[in-house]
Protein backbone atom coordinates (compact mmCIF):
# COMPACT_ATOMS: atom_id res chain seq x y z
CA MET A 1 77.77 15.60 82.62
CA ILE A 2 79.87 13.33 84.71
CA GLY A 3 83.50 12.45 84.77
CA PHE A 4 85.80 14.49 82.59
CA ALA A 5 83.15 16.74 80.99
CA LEU A 6 82.24 18.90 83.98
CA PRO A 7 85.80 19.90 84.95
CA LEU A 8 86.63 20.47 81.28
CA GLY A 9 83.61 22.74 80.87
CA LEU A 10 84.53 24.71 83.97
CA ILE A 11 88.11 25.13 82.80
CA LEU A 12 86.84 26.32 79.41
CA ALA A 13 84.59 28.88 81.13
CA ALA A 14 87.45 30.09 83.34
CA SER A 15 89.85 30.44 80.41
CA THR A 16 87.23 32.34 78.40
CA THR A 17 86.64 34.67 81.34
CA ALA A 18 90.36 35.28 81.73
CA ASP A 19 90.65 36.04 78.01
CA VAL A 20 87.75 38.53 78.08
CA VAL A 21 88.97 40.28 81.24
CA THR A 22 92.57 40.59 80.08
CA THR A 23 91.48 41.72 76.62
CA ARG A 24 89.36 44.51 78.05
CA THR A 25 92.10 45.50 80.52
CA ALA A 26 94.75 45.59 77.82
CA LEU A 27 92.57 47.65 75.50
CA SER A 28 91.74 50.06 78.33
CA ASN A 29 95.33 50.51 79.50
CA CYS A 30 97.22 50.50 76.22
CA SER A 31 96.69 53.16 73.57
CA THR A 32 98.53 51.19 70.86
CA CYS A 33 96.94 47.79 71.53
CA ARG A 34 94.17 46.28 69.42
CA GLU A 35 92.27 43.00 69.27
CA GLY A 36 94.30 40.56 67.19
CA ASN A 37 91.41 38.25 66.30
CA VAL A 38 89.71 39.73 63.25
CA LEU A 39 86.41 38.01 64.08
CA MET A 40 86.35 39.36 67.65
CA ARG A 41 87.62 42.86 66.80
CA PRO A 42 84.13 44.37 66.27
CA PHE A 43 83.11 43.21 69.77
CA ALA A 44 86.34 43.99 71.64
CA GLY A 45 85.29 47.51 72.58
CA ASN A 46 82.22 46.31 74.49
CA THR A 47 82.62 43.96 77.46
CA ILE A 48 79.08 42.59 77.27
CA ALA A 49 79.23 41.95 73.53
CA LEU A 50 82.64 40.28 73.81
CA THR A 51 81.42 38.08 76.67
CA VAL A 52 78.23 37.07 74.86
CA VAL A 53 79.98 36.25 71.58
CA GLN A 54 82.86 34.30 73.11
CA GLY A 55 80.66 32.62 75.69
CA GLY A 56 78.04 31.70 73.12
CA ALA A 57 80.56 30.27 70.69
CA ASN A 58 82.27 28.25 73.41
CA THR A 59 78.99 26.99 74.84
CA GLY A 60 77.86 25.82 71.42
CA MET A 61 81.17 24.14 70.73
CA PHE A 62 81.14 22.45 74.15
CA PHE A 63 77.65 21.03 73.71
CA LEU A 64 78.52 19.89 70.21
CA ALA A 65 81.51 18.06 71.72
CA LEU A 66 79.20 16.46 74.29
CA HIS A 67 76.94 15.35 71.46
CA TYR A 68 79.90 13.59 69.85
CA ARG A 69 80.73 12.04 73.20
CA GLU A 70 77.27 10.48 73.27
CA LYS A 71 78.06 8.89 69.92
CA HIS A 72 80.99 7.11 71.59
CA ARG A 73 83.69 9.15 69.90
CA LYS A 74 86.87 8.97 71.95
CA THR A 75 88.26 12.33 70.85
CA TRP A 76 85.25 14.50 71.73
CA TRP A 77 87.39 16.51 74.18
CA VAL A 78 90.12 17.56 71.73
CA PRO A 79 88.36 20.70 70.35
CA VAL A 80 87.45 21.79 73.88
CA VAL A 81 91.05 21.50 75.05
CA ALA A 82 92.31 23.30 71.93
CA ILE A 83 89.96 26.27 72.43
CA THR A 84 90.85 26.36 76.12
CA ALA A 85 94.55 26.48 75.21
CA PHE A 86 93.94 29.37 72.79
CA HIS A 87 92.10 31.30 75.52
CA VAL A 88 94.91 30.68 78.02
CA TYR A 89 97.50 31.82 75.47
CA ALA A 90 95.46 34.94 74.71
CA ALA A 91 95.03 35.77 78.40
CA VAL A 92 98.78 35.45 79.04
CA HIS A 93 99.54 37.51 75.94
CA ASN A 94 97.03 40.19 76.95
CA SER A 95 98.38 40.37 80.49
CA ARG A 96 101.79 41.32 79.05
CA ALA A 97 100.40 44.32 77.16
CA PRO A 98 102.18 47.57 77.98
CA ASN A 99 100.46 50.16 80.13
CA THR A 100 100.75 53.21 77.86
CA ARG A 101 97.41 54.95 78.43
CA GLU A 102 97.93 58.43 79.81
């Protein structure tokens, strides 16, 4: 992994981590908050499960993108950037959750 792939992978990992941490914090501090992603909702109550599922899905998607890169496809990075953007949006959204837990 040289060039653009390594930094892109690290940014994807960082955005996923931010999403998981802010999700867990929001759910812990807000009694009215819930996971908005229906697919992730069953795992949102457990930090390890949420990390494994999101990390596993992103790792698989990243290596699939690298496979397409090897086939000389010029847009291999687009799905990686899109998922990274979704994680950044989710982390920002989660960080704005109200602190209503008493």
